Amino acid sequence: MTTTQAPAFVTVTFKGTSGKTYDYYIRTYPKLPSFTATPGNYIYARRLTTGIRPVYIGETSDMSTRFSQHHKQACIDRNLADTFL
């Protein structure tokens, strides 16, 4: 995992088991932006002094409606997620 600072946003890069890298914008949770009705994957995470620890990784067919009543909200809260990627 690496982080990159850009003028208007910060990203984090994760490497999958295949070796492919995936870049995510870091957003403060629970303040989430509006998303368009497109499929996507997402990560709820917790910031640590050593980096970012994923709490829950998911995917959806519609990013615009997935987060209002998440089926794993108790898990996300219990693990103190403070970041959304």
Protein backbone atom coordinates (compact mmCIF):
# COMPACT_ATOMS: atom_id res chain seq x y z
CA MET A 1 0.00 0.00 0.00
CA THR A 2 1.27 3.47 -0.89
CA THR A 3 -0.29 6.89 -0.47
CA THR A 4 0.02 9.84 -2.84
CA GLN A 5 -0.72 13.51 -2.12
CA ALA A 6 -2.23 15.47 -5.00
CA PRO A 7 -3.38 19.09 -5.06
CA ALA A 8 -7.09 18.37 -4.52
CA PHE A 9 -7.18 14.81 -3.19
CA VAL A 10 -5.25 11.99 -1.59
CA THR A 11 -5.20 8.45 -2.97
CA VAL A 12 -4.15 5.10 -1.62
CA THR A 13 -3.01 2.18 -3.78
CA PHE A 14 -3.65 -1.46 -2.90
CA LYS A 15 -2.15 -4.41 -4.72
CA GLY A 16 -4.37 -7.42 -5.40
CA THR A 17 -3.25 -11.03 -5.27
CA SER A 18 -2.78 -10.94 -9.05
CA GLY A 19 -0.29 -8.10 -8.66
CA LYS A 20 -2.61 -5.55 -10.27
CA THR A 21 -2.78 -2.22 -8.42
CA TYR A 22 -5.97 -0.35 -7.55
CA ASP A 23 -6.11 3.36 -6.69
CA TYR A 24 -8.78 4.74 -4.34
CA TYR A 25 -9.59 8.30 -3.28
CA ILE A 26 -9.48 8.75 0.49
CA ARG A 27 -12.65 10.31 1.92
CA THR A 28 -13.51 11.03 5.52
CA TYR A 29 -16.31 8.78 6.72
CA PRO A 30 -19.23 9.21 7.45
CA LYS A 31 -19.32 12.23 5.09
CA LEU A 32 -19.73 10.56 1.71
CA PRO A 33 -20.10 12.30 -1.64
CA SER A 34 -22.97 11.60 -4.02
CA PHE A 35 -22.22 8.76 -6.39
CA THR A 36 -23.60 8.09 -9.85
CA ALA A 37 -25.66 4.98 -10.53
CA THR A 38 -22.73 2.86 -11.70
CA PRO A 39 -21.21 -0.39 -10.45
CA GLY A 40 -18.10 -0.20 -8.32
CA ASN A 41 -16.14 -1.49 -5.38
CA TYR A 42 -15.39 0.33 -2.16
CA ILE A 43 -13.53 0.04 1.12
CA TYR A 44 -14.46 1.20 4.61
CA ALA A 45 -11.21 1.64 6.51
CA ARG A 46 -9.58 2.91 9.66
CA ARG A 47 -6.60 5.26 9.67
CA LEU A 48 -3.73 4.11 11.86
CA THR A 49 -0.34 5.65 12.56
CA THR A 50 1.13 2.93 10.33
CA GLY A 51 -1.28 3.45 7.40
CA ILE A 52 -4.82 2.52 6.47
CA ARG A 53 -6.44 -0.77 7.59
CA PRO A 54 -9.41 -2.01 5.56
CA VAL A 55 -12.43 -2.82 7.75
CA TYR A 56 -14.88 -3.91 5.04
CA ILE A 57 -14.41 -4.35 1.29
CA GLY A 58 -17.47 -4.56 -0.90
CA GLU A 59 -18.89 -4.18 -4.36
CA THR A 60 -22.23 -3.03 -5.71
CA SER A 61 -24.10 -2.72 -8.97
CA ASP A 62 -25.25 0.80 -7.97
CA MET A 63 -22.93 3.15 -6.07
CA SER A 64 -25.72 5.75 -5.75
CA THR A 65 -27.90 3.68 -3.41
CA ARG A 66 -25.57 1.27 -1.61
CA PHE A 67 -24.62 3.29 1.45
CA SER A 68 -27.83 4.65 2.98
CA GLN A 69 -28.57 1.43 4.91
CA HIS A 70 -25.52 -0.79 4.52
CA HIS A 71 -26.14 -4.44 5.47
CA LYS A 72 -22.76 -4.57 7.29
CA GLN A 73 -23.12 -1.24 9.13
CA ALA A 74 -22.72 -2.87 12.57
CA CYS A 75 -19.39 -4.41 11.51
CA ILE A 76 -18.22 -1.11 10.01
CA ASP A 77 -19.09 0.77 13.22
CA ARG A 78 -17.68 -1.90 15.54
CA ASN A 79 -14.33 -1.71 13.76
CA LEU A 80 -14.24 2.10 14.03
CA ALA A 81 -14.14 2.91 10.32
CA ASP A 82 -13.28 6.57 9.81
CA THR A 83 -12.28 6.50 6.15
CA PHE A 84 -14.04 5.55 2.92
CA LEU A 85 -12.15 4.60 -0.21
